[in-house]
Amino acid sequence: MPFRVLLDENVTSGAEVELERRGHDAIHVLTTTELGAGTPDRDLVTFVRRTDRLLVTGDTGFLEPGHRGDATVLFCQDDDLTPEEIGELLDLLDSYVTGQTDLPPVYHLRRADLDRSKGR
């Protein structure tokens, strides 16, 4: 089942197109008229909860329970993940869970997981 995600501004905007190409419902903070650059984190949390999305981010603040509230965060462990790697990681994650509600509050997206899945 494809994921519904909001990409934070610290995630490359090219990931939006890549995830859409892979069948995920992806929007980027910078291309969403309701949000935009510099949107406060609490407003991102409100938006993802209201729109039933996961937040893809590299912002370490979202690792703190009080900061993320009840939002589910896909944390980019490697800050230089390419759009293709983000897409592969979401597809890999999608193969392990039946839906986005099955995810823990924070799930780390790591290049090492791609390497392991490819037997490297």
PDB file of N, CA and C in Angstrom:
ATOM      1  N   MET A   1       0.845  -1.175   0.000  1.00  0.00           N
ATOM      2  CA  MET A   1       0.000   0.000   0.000  1.00  0.00           C
ATOM      3  C   MET A   1       0.887   1.234   0.000  1.00  0.00           C
ATOM      4  N   PRO A   2       0.750   2.088  -0.975  1.00  0.00           N
ATOM      5  CA  PRO A   2       1.582   3.296  -1.022  1.00  0.00           C
ATOM      6  C   PRO A   2       1.362   4.183   0.203  1.00  0.00           C
ATOM      7  N   PHE A   3       2.374   4.966   0.511  1.00  0.00           N
ATOM      8  CA  PHE A   3       2.310   5.877   1.658  1.00  0.00           C
ATOM      9  C   PHE A   3       1.854   7.265   1.222  1.00  0.00           C
ATOM     10  N   ARG A   4       1.260   7.970   2.174  1.00  0.00           N
ATOM     11  CA  ARG A   4       0.922   9.387   2.026  1.00  0.00           C
ATOM     12  C   ARG A   4       1.941  10.151   2.873  1.00  0.00           C
ATOM     13  N   VAL A   5       2.770  10.976   2.225  1.00  0.00           N
ATOM     14  CA  VAL A   5       3.849  11.636   2.961  1.00  0.00           C
ATOM     15  C   VAL A   5       3.907  13.126   2.675  1.00  0.00           C
ATOM     16  N   LEU A   6       4.432  13.827   3.677  1.00  0.00           N
ATOM     17  CA  LEU A   6       4.817  15.230   3.534  1.00  0.00           C
ATOM     18  C   LEU A   6       6.324  15.257   3.682  1.00  0.00           C
ATOM     19  N   LEU A   7       7.005  15.826   2.700  1.00  0.00           N
ATOM     20  CA  LEU A   7       8.460  15.953   2.737  1.00  0.00           C
ATOM     21  C   LEU A   7       8.820  17.302   3.339  1.00  0.00           C
ATOM     22  N   ASP A   8       9.598  17.279   4.392  1.00  0.00           N
ATOM     23  CA  ASP A   8      10.039  18.506   5.054  1.00  0.00           C
ATOM     24  C   ASP A   8      11.010  19.256   4.143  1.00  0.00           C
ATOM     25  N   GLU A   9      11.227  20.521   4.434  1.00  0.00           N
ATOM     26  CA  GLU A   9      12.065  21.326   3.547  1.00  0.00           C
ATOM     27  C   GLU A   9      13.524  20.903   3.535  1.00  0.00           C
ATOM     28  N   ASN A  10      13.971  20.101   4.506  1.00  0.00           N
ATOM     29  CA  ASN A  10      15.356  19.623   4.490  1.00  0.00           C
ATOM     30  C   ASN A  10      15.509  18.330   3.679  1.00  0.00           C
ATOM     31  N   VAL A  11      14.441  17.893   3.043  1.00  0.00           N
ATOM     32  CA  VAL A  11      14.475  16.735   2.142  1.00  0.00           C
ATOM     33  C   VAL A  11      14.438  17.267   0.719  1.00  0.00           C
ATOM     34  N   THR A  12      15.306  16.759  -0.120  1.00  0.00           N
ATOM     35  CA  THR A  12      15.399  17.250  -1.492  1.00  0.00           C
ATOM     36  C   THR A  12      14.030  17.256  -2.171  1.00  0.00           C
ATOM     37  N   SER A  13      13.722  18.342  -2.846  1.00  0.00           N
ATOM     38  CA  SER A  13      12.408  18.470  -3.483  1.00  0.00           C
ATOM     39  C   SER A  13      12.214  17.461  -4.610  1.00  0.00           C
ATOM     40  N   GLY A  14      13.298  16.936  -5.174  1.00  0.00           N
ATOM     41  CA  GLY A  14      13.192  15.925  -6.215  1.00  0.00           C
ATOM     42  C   GLY A  14      12.558  14.632  -5.719  1.00  0.00           C
ATOM     43  N   ALA A  15      12.539  14.436  -4.405  1.00  0.00           N
ATOM     44  CA  ALA A  15      11.931  13.230  -3.841  1.00  0.00           C
ATOM     45  C   ALA A  15      10.422  13.208  -4.072  1.00  0.00           C
ATOM     46  N   GLU A  16       9.809  14.367  -4.161  1.00  0.00           N
ATOM     47  CA  GLU A  16       8.363  14.427  -4.397  1.00  0.00           C
ATOM     48  C   GLU A  16       8.013  13.753  -5.725  1.00  0.00           C
ATOM     49  N   VAL A  17       8.723  14.104  -6.775  1.00  0.00           N
ATOM     50  CA  VAL A  17       8.478  13.531  -8.098  1.00  0.00           C
ATOM     51  C   VAL A  17       8.796  12.037  -8.099  1.00  0.00           C
ATOM     52  N   GLU A  18       9.904  11.656  -7.480  1.00  0.00           N
ATOM     53  CA  GLU A  18      10.304  10.243  -7.434  1.00  0.00           C
ATOM     54  C   GLU A  18       9.278   9.394  -6.692  1.00  0.00           C
ATOM     55  N   LEU A  19       8.812   9.878  -5.563  1.00  0.00           N
ATOM     56  CA  LEU A  19       7.829   9.113  -4.798  1.00  0.00           C
ATOM     57  C   LEU A  19       6.504   9.012  -5.543  1.00  0.00           C
ATOM     58  N   GLU A  20       6.098  10.095  -6.180  1.00  0.00           N
ATOM     59  CA  GLU A  20       4.869  10.061  -6.987  1.00  0.00           C
ATOM     60  C   GLU A  20       5.021   9.041  -8.119  1.00  0.00           C
ATOM     61  N   ARG A  21       6.183   9.021  -8.740  1.00  0.00           N
ATOM     62  CA  ARG A  21       6.441   8.079  -9.825  1.00  0.00           C
ATOM     63  C   ARG A  21       6.299   6.634  -9.338  1.00  0.00           C
ATOM     64  N   ARG A  22       6.634   6.402  -8.086  1.00  0.00           N
ATOM     65  CA  ARG A  22       6.565   5.069  -7.504  1.00  0.00           C
ATOM     66  C   ARG A  22       5.176   4.757  -6.928  1.00  0.00           C
ATOM     67  N   GLY A  23       4.252   5.681  -7.061  1.00  0.00           N
ATOM     68  CA  GLY A  23       2.885   5.429  -6.621  1.00  0.00           C
ATOM     69  C   GLY A  23       2.520   5.948  -5.247  1.00  0.00           C
ATOM     70  N   HIS A  24       3.446   6.622  -4.576  1.00  0.00           N
ATOM     71  CA  HIS A  24       3.154   7.198  -3.267  1.00  0.00           C
ATOM     72  C   HIS A  24       2.486   8.559  -3.455  1.00  0.00           C
ATOM     73  N   ASP A  25       1.723   8.976  -2.470  1.00  0.00           N
ATOM     74  CA  ASP A  25       1.085  10.292  -2.476  1.00  0.00           C
ATOM     75  C   ASP A  25       2.018  11.226  -1.707  1.00  0.00           C
ATOM     76  N   ALA A  26       2.855  11.946  -2.433  1.00  0.00           N
ATOM     77  CA  ALA A  26       3.888  12.770  -1.808  1.00  0.00           C
ATOM     78  C   ALA A  26       3.695  14.241  -2.135  1.00  0.00           C
ATOM     79  N   ILE A  27       3.857  15.063  -1.107  1.00  0.00           N
ATOM     80  CA  ILE A  27       3.878  16.515  -1.300  1.00  0.00           C
ATOM     81  C   ILE A  27       5.064  17.071  -0.516  1.00  0.00           C
ATOM     82  N   HIS A  28       5.588  18.157  -1.003  1.00  0.00           N
ATOM     83  CA  HIS A  28       6.745  18.790  -0.372  1.00  0.00           C
ATOM     84  C   HIS A  28       6.297  20.095   0.278  1.00  0.00           C
ATOM     85  N   VAL A  29       6.853  20.382   1.424  1.00  0.00           N
ATOM     86  CA  VAL A  29       6.530  21.616   2.142  1.00  0.00           C
ATOM     87  C   VAL A  29       6.646  22.835   1.226  1.00  0.00           C
ATOM     88  N   LEU A  30       7.675  22.846   0.382  1.00  0.00           N
ATOM     89  CA  LEU A  30       7.924  24.014  -0.463  1.00  0.00           C
ATOM     90  C   LEU A  30       6.950  24.149  -1.627  1.00  0.00           C
ATOM     91  N   THR A  31       6.228  23.074  -1.959  1.00  0.00           N
ATOM     92  CA  THR A  31       5.283  23.157  -3.074  1.00  0.00           C
ATOM     93  C   THR A  31       3.830  23.138  -2.600  1.00  0.00           C
ATOM     94  N   THR A  32       3.637  23.167  -1.305  1.00  0.00           N
ATOM     95  CA  THR A  32       2.295  23.155  -0.728  1.00  0.00           C
ATOM     96  C   THR A  32       1.940  24.567  -0.307  1.00  0.00           C
ATOM     97  N   THR A  33       0.960  25.155  -0.954  1.00  0.00           N
ATOM     98  CA  THR A  33       0.614  26.558  -0.686  1.00  0.00           C
ATOM     99  C   THR A  33       0.239  26.793   0.765  1.00  0.00           C
ATOM    100  N   GLU A  34      -0.301  25.807   1.420  1.00  0.00           N
ATOM    101  CA  GLU A  34      -0.713  25.946   2.814  1.00  0.00           C
ATOM    102  C   GLU A  34       0.480  26.012   3.775  1.00  0.00           C
ATOM    103  N   LEU A  35       1.648  25.558   3.318  1.00  0.00           N
ATOM    104  CA  LEU A  35       2.810  25.496   4.195  1.00  0.00           C
ATOM    105  C   LEU A  35       3.900  26.447   3.703  1.00  0.00           C
ATOM    106  N   GLY A  36       4.917  25.956   3.022  1.00  0.00           N
ATOM    107  CA  GLY A  36       5.980  26.809   2.507  1.00  0.00           C
ATOM    108  C   GLY A  36       7.213  26.819   3.386  1.00  0.00           C
ATOM    109  N   ALA A  37       8.227  27.524   2.913  1.00  0.00           N
ATOM    110  CA  ALA A  37       9.509  27.610   3.618  1.00  0.00           C
ATOM    111  C   ALA A  37       9.310  28.230   4.995  1.00  0.00           C
ATOM    112  N   GLY A  38      10.003  27.682   5.974  1.00  0.00           N
ATOM    113  CA  GLY A  38       9.975  28.246   7.312  1.00  0.00           C
ATOM    114  C   GLY A  38       8.729  27.928   8.124  1.00  0.00           C
ATOM    115  N   THR A  39       7.902  27.002   7.651  1.00  0.00           N
ATOM    116  CA  THR A  39       6.707  26.632   8.419  1.00  0.00           C
ATOM    117  C   THR A  39       7.138  26.072   9.772  1.00  0.00           C
ATOM    118  N   PRO A  40       6.582  26.584  10.862  1.00  0.00           N
ATOM    119  CA  PRO A  40       6.944  26.059  12.185  1.00  0.00           C
ATOM    120  C   PRO A  40       6.640  24.564  12.293  1.00  0.00           C
ATOM    121  N   ASP A  41       7.474  23.858  13.032  1.00  0.00           N
ATOM    122  CA  ASP A  41       7.329  22.413  13.176  1.00  0.00           C
ATOM    123  C   ASP A  41       5.953  22.028  13.712  1.00  0.00           C
ATOM    124  N   ARG A  42       5.417  22.792  14.650  1.00  0.00           N
ATOM    125  CA  ARG A  42       4.104  22.442  15.210  1.00  0.00           C
ATOM    126  C   ARG A  42       3.025  22.499  14.135  1.00  0.00           C
ATOM    127  N   ASP A  43       3.184  23.397  13.139  1.00  0.00           N
ATOM    128  CA  ASP A  43       2.224  23.469  12.040  1.00  0.00           C
ATOM    129  C   ASP A  43       2.378  22.271  11.088  1.00  0.00           C
ATOM    130  N   LEU A  44       3.610  21.773  10.940  1.00  0.00           N
ATOM    131  CA  LEU A  44       3.827  20.569  10.135  1.00  0.00           C
ATOM    132  C   LEU A  44       3.137  19.373  10.790  1.00  0.00           C
ATOM    133  N   VAL A  45       3.278  19.270  12.116  1.00  0.00           N
ATOM    134  CA  VAL A  45       2.641  18.175  12.851  1.00  0.00           C
ATOM    135  C   VAL A  45       1.123  18.255  12.688  1.00  0.00           C
ATOM    136  N   THR A  46       0.569  19.437  12.827  1.00  0.00           N
ATOM    137  CA  THR A  46      -0.882  19.620  12.664  1.00  0.00           C
ATOM    138  C   THR A  46      -1.309  19.215  11.259  1.00  0.00           C
ATOM    139  N   PHE A  47      -0.545  19.631  10.262  1.00  0.00           N
ATOM    140  CA  PHE A  47      -0.880  19.321   8.867  1.00  0.00           C
ATOM    141  C   PHE A  47      -0.840  17.821   8.596  1.00  0.00           C
ATOM    142  N   VAL A  48       0.210  17.133   9.031  1.00  0.00           N
ATOM    143  CA  VAL A  48       0.306  15.699   8.739  1.00  0.00           C
ATOM    144  C   VAL A  48      -0.790  14.915   9.459  1.00  0.00           C
ATOM    145  N   ARG A  49      -1.154  15.324  10.641  1.00  0.00           N
ATOM    146  CA  ARG A  49      -2.236  14.635  11.357  1.00  0.00           C
ATOM    147  C   ARG A  49      -3.582  14.899  10.668  1.00  0.00           C
ATOM    148  N   ARG A  50      -3.818  16.126  10.268  1.00  0.00           N
ATOM    149  CA  ARG A  50      -5.085  16.482   9.630  1.00  0.00           C
ATOM    150  C   ARG A  50      -5.241  15.818   8.270  1.00  0.00           C
ATOM    151  N   THR A  51      -4.131  15.640   7.542  1.00  0.00           N
ATOM    152  CA  THR A  51      -4.185  15.078   6.192  1.00  0.00           C
ATOM    153  C   THR A  51      -3.783  13.608   6.146  1.00  0.00           C
ATOM    154  N   ASP A  52      -3.602  12.998   7.305  1.00  0.00           N
ATOM    155  CA  ASP A  52      -3.254  11.581   7.414  1.00  0.00           C
ATOM    156  C   ASP A  52      -2.003  11.241   6.597  1.00  0.00           C
ATOM    157  N   ARG A  53      -0.930  11.958   6.893  1.00  0.00           N
ATOM    158  CA  ARG A  53       0.340  11.760   6.205  1.00  0.00           C
ATOM    159  C   ARG A  53       1.437  11.424   7.199  1.00  0.00           C
ATOM    160  N   LEU A  54       2.505  10.855   6.673  1.00  0.00           N
ATOM    161  CA  LEU A  54       3.739  10.637   7.414  1.00  0.00           C
ATOM    162  C   LEU A  54       4.652  11.812   7.105  1.00  0.00           C
ATOM    163  N   LEU A  55       5.480  12.192   8.050  1.00  0.00           N
ATOM    164  CA  LEU A  55       6.433  13.275   7.829  1.00  0.00           C
ATOM    165  C   LEU A  55       7.802  12.685   7.544  1.00  0.00           C
ATOM    166  N   VAL A  56       8.349  12.989   6.373  1.00  0.00           N
ATOM    167  CA  VAL A  56       9.704  12.573   6.013  1.00  0.00           C
ATOM    168  C   VAL A  56      10.605  13.776   6.279  1.00  0.00           C
ATOM    169  N   THR A  57      11.567  13.604   7.174  1.00  0.00           N
ATOM    170  CA  THR A  57      12.393  14.731   7.591  1.00  0.00           C
ATOM    171  C   THR A  57      13.778  14.272   8.027  1.00  0.00           C
ATOM    172  N   GLY A  58      14.694  15.211   8.055  1.00  0.00           N
ATOM    173  CA  GLY A  58      16.016  14.995   8.613  1.00  0.00           C
ATOM    174  C   GLY A  58      16.217  15.858   9.844  1.00  0.00           C
ATOM    175  N   ASP A  59      15.161  16.516  10.295  1.00  0.00           N
ATOM    176  CA  ASP A  59      15.201  17.410  11.451  1.00  0.00           C
ATOM    177  C   ASP A  59      15.209  16.576  12.733  1.00  0.00           C
ATOM    178  N   THR A  60      16.315  16.604  13.466  1.00  0.00           N
ATOM    179  CA  THR A  60      16.457  15.786  14.674  1.00  0.00           C
ATOM    180  C   THR A  60      15.467  16.174  15.769  1.00  0.00           C
ATOM    181  N   GLY A  61      14.913  17.356  15.716  1.00  0.00           N
ATOM    182  CA  GLY A  61      13.914  17.753  16.703  1.00  0.00           C
ATOM    183  C   GLY A  61      12.734  16.799  16.727  1.00  0.00           C
ATOM    184  N   PHE A  62      12.392  16.243  15.559  1.00  0.00           N
ATOM    185  CA  PHE A  62      11.252  15.345  15.469  1.00  0.00           C
ATOM    186  C   PHE A  62      11.514  13.973  16.086  1.00  0.00           C
ATOM    187  N   LEU A  63      12.735  13.733  16.541  1.00  0.00           N
ATOM    188  CA  LEU A  63      13.032  12.488  17.245  1.00  0.00           C
ATOM    189  C   LEU A  63      12.510  12.541  18.680  1.00  0.00           C
ATOM    190  N   GLU A  64      12.247  13.737  19.177  1.00  0.00           N
ATOM    191  CA  GLU A  64      11.743  13.925  20.537  1.00  0.00           C
ATOM    192  C   GLU A  64      10.218  13.788  20.554  1.00  0.00           C
ATOM    193  N   PRO A  65       9.687  12.900  21.423  1.00  0.00           N
ATOM    194  CA  PRO A  65       8.244  12.677  21.456  1.00  0.00           C
ATOM    195  C   PRO A  65       7.425  13.961  21.651  1.00  0.00           C
ATOM    196  N   GLY A  66       7.854  14.834  22.525  1.00  0.00           N
ATOM    197  CA  GLY A  66       7.104  16.067  22.770  1.00  0.00           C
ATOM    198  C   GLY A  66       7.097  16.999  21.576  1.00  0.00           C
ATOM    199  N   HIS A  67       8.094  16.899  20.740  1.00  0.00           N
ATOM    200  CA  HIS A  67       8.220  17.765  19.567  1.00  0.00           C
ATOM    201  C   HIS A  67       7.342  17.277  18.412  1.00  0.00           C
ATOM    202  N   ARG A  68       7.278  15.961  18.219  1.00  0.00           N
ATOM    203  CA  ARG A  68       6.522  15.420  17.084  1.00  0.00           C
ATOM    204  C   ARG A  68       5.065  15.167  17.407  1.00  0.00           C
ATOM    205  N   GLY A  69       4.696  15.233  18.700  1.00  0.00           N
ATOM    206  CA  GLY A  69       3.318  14.962  19.069  1.00  0.00           C
ATOM    207  C   GLY A  69       2.935  13.560  18.653  1.00  0.00           C
ATOM    208  N   ASP A  70       1.793  13.430  18.006  1.00  0.00           N
ATOM    209  CA  ASP A  70       1.356  12.096  17.580  1.00  0.00           C
ATOM    210  C   ASP A  70       1.585  11.860  16.090  1.00  0.00           C
ATOM    211  N   ALA A  71       2.470  12.646  15.494  1.00  0.00           N
ATOM    212  CA  ALA A  71       2.818  12.449  14.086  1.00  0.00           C
ATOM    213  C   ALA A  71       3.763  11.255  13.955  1.00  0.00           C
ATOM    214  N   THR A  72       3.649  10.540  12.852  1.00  0.00           N
ATOM    215  CA  THR A  72       4.598   9.468  12.543  1.00  0.00           C
ATOM    216  C   THR A  72       5.680  10.054  11.647  1.00  0.00           C
ATOM    217  N   VAL A  73       6.927   9.816  12.020  1.00  0.00           N
ATOM    218  CA  VAL A  73       8.072  10.424  11.345  1.00  0.00           C
ATOM    219  C   VAL A  73       8.929   9.351  10.677  1.00  0.00           C
ATOM    220  N   LEU A  74       9.228   9.585   9.406  1.00  0.00           N
ATOM    221  CA  LEU A  74      10.224   8.784   8.701  1.00  0.00           C
ATOM    222  C   LEU A  74      11.476   9.648   8.679  1.00  0.00           C
ATOM    223  N   PHE A  75      12.426   9.310   9.537  1.00  0.00           N
ATOM    224  CA  PHE A  75      13.606  10.146   9.739  1.00  0.00           C
ATOM    225  C   PHE A  75      14.726   9.739   8.804  1.00  0.00           C
ATOM    226  N   CYS A  76      15.208  10.676   8.016  1.00  0.00           N
ATOM    227  CA  CYS A  76      16.323  10.429   7.092  1.00  0.00           C
ATOM    228  C   CYS A  76      17.618  10.420   7.888  1.00  0.00           C
ATOM    229  N   GLN A  77      18.067   9.230   8.236  1.00  0.00           N
ATOM    230  CA  GLN A  77      19.280   9.061   9.027  1.00  0.00           C
ATOM    231  C   GLN A  77      20.497   9.639   8.298  1.00  0.00           C
ATOM    232  N   ASP A  78      20.546   9.421   6.993  1.00  0.00           N
ATOM    233  CA  ASP A  78      21.630   9.956   6.175  1.00  0.00           C
ATOM    234  C   ASP A  78      21.109  11.246   5.542  1.00  0.00           C
ATOM    235  N   ASP A  79      21.802  12.348   5.783  1.00  0.00           N
ATOM    236  CA  ASP A  79      21.275  13.636   5.311  1.00  0.00           C
ATOM    237  C   ASP A  79      21.492  13.889   3.825  1.00  0.00           C
ATOM    238  N   ASP A  80      22.096  12.936   3.135  1.00  0.00           N
ATOM    239  CA  ASP A  80      22.327  13.120   1.702  1.00  0.00           C
ATOM    240  C   ASP A  80      21.638  12.051   0.857  1.00  0.00           C
ATOM    241  N   LEU A  81      20.526  11.512   1.356  1.00  0.00           N
ATOM    242  CA  LEU A  81      19.789  10.508   0.580  1.00  0.00           C
ATOM    243  C   LEU A  81      19.285  11.134  -0.714  1.00  0.00           C
ATOM    244  N   THR A  82      19.462  10.419  -1.802  1.00  0.00           N
ATOM    245  CA  THR A  82      18.975  10.908  -3.092  1.00  0.00           C
ATOM    246  C   THR A  82      17.472  10.631  -3.196  1.00  0.00           C
ATOM    247  N   PRO A  83      16.785  11.295  -4.120  1.00  0.00           N
ATOM    248  CA  PRO A  83      15.368  10.984  -4.323  1.00  0.00           C
ATOM    249  C   PRO A  83      15.141   9.498  -4.608  1.00  0.00           C
ATOM    250  N   GLU A  84      16.028   8.900  -5.397  1.00  0.00           N
ATOM    251  CA  GLU A  84      15.891   7.484  -5.715  1.00  0.00           C
ATOM    252  C   GLU A  84      16.047   6.614  -4.475  1.00  0.00           C
ATOM    253  N   GLU A  85      17.008   6.950  -3.615  1.00  0.00           N
ATOM    254  CA  GLU A  85      17.199   6.184  -2.380  1.00  0.00           C
ATOM    255  C   GLU A  85      15.989   6.319  -1.456  1.00  0.00           C
ATOM    256  N   ILE A  86      15.451   7.514  -1.347  1.00  0.00           N
ATOM    257  CA  ILE A  86      14.255   7.714  -0.528  1.00  0.00           C
ATOM    258  C   ILE A  86      13.113   6.869  -1.088  1.00  0.00           C
ATOM    259  N   GLY A  87      12.969   6.865  -2.405  1.00  0.00           N
ATOM    260  CA  GLY A  87      11.932   6.048  -3.036  1.00  0.00           C
ATOM    261  C   GLY A  87      12.137   4.573  -2.771  1.00  0.00           C
ATOM    262  N   GLU A  88      13.360   4.101  -2.914  1.00  0.00           N
ATOM    263  CA  GLU A  88      13.658   2.690  -2.658  1.00  0.00           C
ATOM    264  C   GLU A  88      13.386   2.327  -1.203  1.00  0.00           C
ATOM    265  N   LEU A  89      13.747   3.219  -0.283  1.00  0.00           N
ATOM    266  CA  LEU A  89      13.528   2.954   1.138  1.00  0.00           C
ATOM    267  C   LEU A  89      12.041   2.904   1.477  1.00  0.00           C
ATOM    268  N   LEU A  90      11.252   3.798   0.889  1.00  0.00           N
ATOM    269  CA  LEU A  90       9.810   3.745   1.138  1.00  0.00           C
ATOM    270  C   LEU A  90       9.192   2.498   0.523  1.00  0.00           C
ATOM    271  N   ASP A  91       9.656   2.107  -0.657  1.00  0.00           N
ATOM    272  CA  ASP A  91       9.160   0.870  -1.266  1.00  0.00           C
ATOM    273  C   ASP A  91       9.541  -0.344  -0.414  1.00  0.00           C
ATOM    274  N   LEU A  92      10.755  -0.356   0.110  1.00  0.00           N
ATOM    275  CA  LEU A  92      11.204  -1.444   0.971  1.00  0.00           C
ATOM    276  C   LEU A  92      10.343  -1.491   2.236  1.00  0.00           C
ATOM    277  N   LEU A  93      10.133  -0.358   2.839  1.00  0.00           N
ATOM    278  CA  LEU A  93       9.295  -0.267   4.036  1.00  0.00           C
ATOM    279  C   LEU A  93       7.877  -0.736   3.722  1.00  0.00           C
ATOM    280  N   ASP A  94       7.367  -0.343   2.577  1.00  0.00           N
ATOM    281  CA  ASP A  94       6.021  -0.727   2.162  1.00  0.00           C
ATOM    282  C   ASP A  94       5.896  -2.246   2.033  1.00  0.00           C
ATOM    283  N   SER A  95       6.993  -2.915   1.693  1.00  0.00           N
ATOM    284  CA  SER A  95       6.946  -4.370   1.568  1.00  0.00           C
ATOM    285  C   SER A  95       6.908  -5.065   2.931  1.00  0.00           C
ATOM    286  N   TYR A  96       7.231  -4.337   4.012  1.00  0.00           N
ATOM    287  CA  TYR A  96       7.266  -4.918   5.353  1.00  0.00           C
ATOM    288  C   TYR A  96       6.008  -4.664   6.167  1.00  0.00           C
ATOM    289  N   VAL A  97       5.254  -3.632   5.853  1.00  0.00           N
ATOM    290  CA  VAL A  97       4.082  -3.283   6.654  1.00  0.00           C
ATOM    291  C   VAL A  97       2.828  -3.323   5.786  1.00  0.00           C
ATOM    292  N   THR A  98       1.693  -3.514   6.429  1.00  0.00           N
ATOM    293  CA  THR A  98       0.441  -3.566   5.676  1.00  0.00           C
ATOM    294  C   THR A  98      -0.155  -2.179   5.469  1.00  0.00           C
ATOM    295  N   GLY A  99       0.270  -1.205   6.247  1.00  0.00           N
ATOM    296  CA  GLY A  99      -0.230   0.158   6.097  1.00  0.00           C
ATOM    297  C   GLY A  99       0.545   1.113   6.970  1.00  0.00           C
ATOM    298  N   GLN A 100       0.382   2.393   6.720  1.00  0.00           N
ATOM    299  CA  GLN A 100       1.183   3.369   7.454  1.00  0.00           C
ATOM    300  C   GLN A 100       0.821   3.435   8.929  1.00  0.00           C
ATOM    301  N   THR A 101      -0.352   2.939   9.317  1.00  0.00           N
ATOM    302  CA  THR A 101      -0.703   2.924  10.736  1.00  0.00           C
ATOM    303  C   THR A 101       0.060   1.847  11.500  1.00  0.00           C
ATOM    304  N   ASP A 102       0.722   0.936  10.789  1.00  0.00           N
ATOM    305  CA  ASP A 102       1.503  -0.123  11.426  1.00  0.00           C
ATOM    306  C   ASP A 102       2.915   0.324  11.796  1.00  0.00           C
ATOM    307  N   LEU A 103       3.270   1.542  11.461  1.00  0.00           N
ATOM    308  CA  LEU A 103       4.627   2.024  11.703  1.00  0.00           C
ATOM    309  C   LEU A 103       4.800   2.511  13.136  1.00  0.00           C
ATOM    310  N   PRO A 104       6.027   2.422  13.654  1.00  0.00           N
ATOM    311  CA  PRO A 104       6.304   3.014  14.969  1.00  0.00           C
ATOM    312  C   PRO A 104       6.289   4.538  14.844  1.00  0.00           C
ATOM    313  N   PRO A 105       6.289   5.257  15.964  1.00  0.00           N
ATOM    314  CA  PRO A 105       6.263   6.735  15.903  1.00  0.00           C
ATOM    315  C   PRO A 105       7.405   7.335  15.088  1.00  0.00           C
ATOM    316  N   VAL A 106       8.584   6.686  15.137  1.00  0.00           N
ATOM    317  CA  VAL A 106       9.732   7.133  14.342  1.00  0.00           C
ATOM    318  C   VAL A 106      10.338   5.908  13.658  1.00  0.00           C
ATOM    319  N   TYR A 107      10.530   6.018  12.364  1.00  0.00           N
ATOM    320  CA  TYR A 107      11.197   4.965  11.612  1.00  0.00           C
ATOM    321  C   TYR A 107      12.375   5.616  10.893  1.00  0.00           C
ATOM    322  N   HIS A 108      13.558   5.031  11.039  1.00  0.00           N
ATOM    323  CA  HIS A 108      14.769   5.597  10.449  1.00  0.00           C
ATOM    324  C   HIS A 108      14.974   5.067   9.030  1.00  0.00           C
ATOM    325  N   LEU A 109      15.075   5.980   8.085  1.00  0.00           N
ATOM    326  CA  LEU A 109      15.410   5.642   6.705  1.00  0.00           C
ATOM    327  C   LEU A 109      16.923   5.702   6.584  1.00  0.00           C
ATOM    328  N   ARG A 110      17.563   4.551   6.343  1.00  0.00           N
ATOM    329  CA  ARG A 110      19.031   4.467   6.320  1.00  0.00           C
ATOM    330  C   ARG A 110      19.512   3.821   5.043  1.00  0.00           C
ATOM    331  N   ARG A 111      20.532   4.394   4.468  1.00  0.00           N
ATOM    332  CA  ARG A 111      21.157   3.830   3.277  1.00  0.00           C
ATOM    333  C   ARG A 111      21.636   2.403   3.552  1.00  0.00           C
ATOM    334  N   ALA A 112      22.086   2.143   4.769  1.00  0.00           N
ATOM    335  CA  ALA A 112      22.564   0.806   5.128  1.00  0.00           C
ATOM    336  C   ALA A 112      21.476  -0.249   4.928  1.00  0.00           C
ATOM    337  N   ASP A 113      20.208   0.126   5.133  1.00  0.00           N
ATOM    338  CA  ASP A 113      19.123  -0.830   4.933  1.00  0.00           C
ATOM    339  C   ASP A 113      18.982  -1.193   3.451  1.00  0.00           C
ATOM    340  N   LEU A 114      19.241  -0.234   2.579  1.00  0.00           N
ATOM    341  CA  LEU A 114      19.238  -0.528   1.145  1.00  0.00           C
ATOM    342  C   LEU A 114      20.366  -1.483   0.796  1.00  0.00           C
ATOM    343  N   ASP A 115      21.526  -1.202   1.355  1.00  0.00           N
ATOM    344  CA  ASP A 115      22.686  -2.055   1.090  1.00  0.00           C
ATOM    345  C   ASP A 115      22.415  -3.484   1.545  1.00  0.00           C
ATOM    346  N   ARG A 116      21.816  -3.652   2.724  1.00  0.00           N
ATOM    347  CA  ARG A 116      21.491  -4.984   3.240  1.00  0.00           C
ATOM    348  C   ARG A 116      20.467  -5.678   2.366  1.00  0.00           C
ATOM    349  N   SER A 117      19.468  -4.926   1.887  1.00  0.00           N
ATOM    350  CA  SER A 117      18.421  -5.536   1.067  1.00  0.00           C
ATOM    351  C   SER A 117      18.970  -5.993  -0.280  1.00  0.00           C
ATOM    352  N   LYS A 118      20.066  -5.373  -0.707  1.00  0.00           N
ATOM    353  CA  LYS A 118      20.693  -5.738  -1.986  1.00  0.00           C
ATOM    354  C   LYS A 118      21.858  -6.696  -1.805  1.00  0.00           C
ATOM    355  N   GLY A 119      22.077  -7.121  -0.530  1.00  0.00           N
ATOM    356  CA  GLY A 119      23.140  -8.089  -0.256  1.00  0.00           C
ATOM    357  C   GLY A 119      24.533  -7.511  -0.317  1.00  0.00           C
ATOM    358  N   ARG A 120      24.678  -6.221  -0.083  1.00  0.00           N
ATOM    359  CA  ARG A 120      26.026  -5.605  -0.111  1.00  0.00           C
ATOM    360  C   ARG A 120      26.679  -5.663   1.241  1.00  0.00           C
TER     361      ARG A 120
END
